[in-house]
């Protein structure tokens, strides 16, 4: 039965490879990176300059020359138009004093005074239409070039207006592309939205970013089916939407809108106003990694403004941002060196041939077979029932929750392959006669490592094929269970090493349970526990780096181009090879296989990061293997010296 299951695994593996190839083709279908600056932040920064308009013009020229191609335009407001010196705002009392009249006793309106006839001509219709659409009366300010809005200043200033048309014209004249930011604060109106999107299309807008906790149309979707209507307009005018990376809570309606627009979605990485003050070289590395490692095609800069008490002035992060792009950050050069160009971002063109569904069926069967094989190493008699139950369960999940089927099976395969590889490695060492010759032991240890690595990497095509959906690449869906992947193969390897190498599991378990506990055992268990907790704390993205680790990572990234995983080439791979080298003569070396299993599962985990391009994961894994062998040779050399010293000194100790 095992032979038949292995045959199914091989068939599934062969079927998965062309699916993985199409995944690579999808990832290579978009290579333009768009650099976007928050225009609202720029206006705020300019407001602190002695001559705001002149300062704004100078900074726009600097940004354009540095390679910034786009400006993010929020929906405007009366407050923002005031900050841009387009209008002046007064309440009823202030307006009365301006007109030299007695302040009204029962009125709290907003008085808008335009700062130039051009501003009045361009902005007056925009303001009137917005407030009249909200059933707020607007009338002319008699004797003044302005408007009276029958709402308090505090309330009127919060109402969203369309993007500032005067600012848009100025930015277009400077050669910038416009990336509008839309909120869902106002009731959805299809005619107004279509007019807005048509206007965006006419000025070359390719992508919009949503502002706030939901996408445009979400709040009215139940009553008006507005998300579908909005998606139709986006497709009509060929406008993509941006999915912001790293939000604590995903914007409401994003998944549905992405689906309705056929996943015309751009991944966006945002630099916050606080992060904008980080060291330029740190920012530069971050920008380069975002494009190369995480399928980011839009990088969004917020501009920070803060008080610098050492200089006794207000400073902003514009210079810091430019230094990160040029020198010393070199982000632009690094991104270009990785094969990307700069321009308006485009969504990935999904390569999904009709035959993929049949290939995935074979992948599912092969994946179930691999999980059943893994179970058979621990409970042999349930192998066939496990396979049959797995097939039936997969069929049920395919009908009820296909996403759950993909993720559960991918997790099962990702756990099974490294576990099988490690169990077979332990068996191979146990079945081998003791070897004393150093060269032979090293050759056998390297051969065992490479064989184990190939078996572990059998999971990779399965994981790629099962999760070959654009929703994972865009992180609209996430692969769950990564913590289990980082933990279960280690536990199963340890279980096999401790309990499955004797006469029976029962007798081995009894022997370990009744073994006298010494101080050495207590210390050893404490060390293992501490190391285990530290390891688990490092499996996520929020793990704390060790002193000097950030510098070491940057050195690897800048020197090699793709950073291999430290735990693979500095610890797990070398200890697996060294453990095999020791175990071929002294069987206790097998216990190092438990730590060595970390490297095997880590390689599979690398490919479980679906937002990372497959080619980058391949390079990272290959570098980890190659450097791991180099470090392992050092470990083996050290052990060989210890062996020789012990052989020479042992008679003296025994005497």
Foldseek 3Di string as FASTA:
>chain_A
DLVVLVVLLVLLLVLLVVLLVLLLVLLPQWFAFAEEEEVLLLLVVLLQDPHSVVVSVVLLLVCVVLPHAAYEFEQAFPVSCVSVVQKDKDWQCVVCVVVVHHRDDPATKIKIAGPDPVSLVQCVVQLCVQLVVVVWDKDADPPGSIIITRDHPVVRRPRGTGTDPVVVVVSVVSRHQYAYEAEQPDDDDLVVLLVVLVVNLVSPAAEYEYDDQARHPQVCCVPPVRLLSNLVSCLVSNHEYEFEPDDPHGRPPPVVSCVSNVNFYAYEYEQDQVNLPPALQVVLVVLLCCVAFFVHRYYYYYKHWDQDVVVRGIDISSVSPSCNVVPPVVNVVSSVVSPHHYDDTTRRDRDDDPCLVVSLVSLQLSLQSLLLVLVCVPVVVCSVVSSVVSVVVLVVCVVVPLVCSLLVSLLSLLLRQLLVLLLVLLVVLLPAAADDDLVVLLVVLLVSLVSSLVSLCSSLSSNCSSPVDVCLLSVVDARPDLLVLQPVSLVSSVLCVQQVPDPHNVVSVVCVVPPDDDPVNVVVVVVVVVVVVLSSLPSDPPRDDDVPVVVVQVVQCVPVVAAADCLQQVPQLLLSSLLSSCCSHPVVSSVSNSSNSSNSSVLSVLSSSVNTNPVSSVVNNVVSNVSSSVNSVVVNVVVVVVVVVCVVCVVVVVD
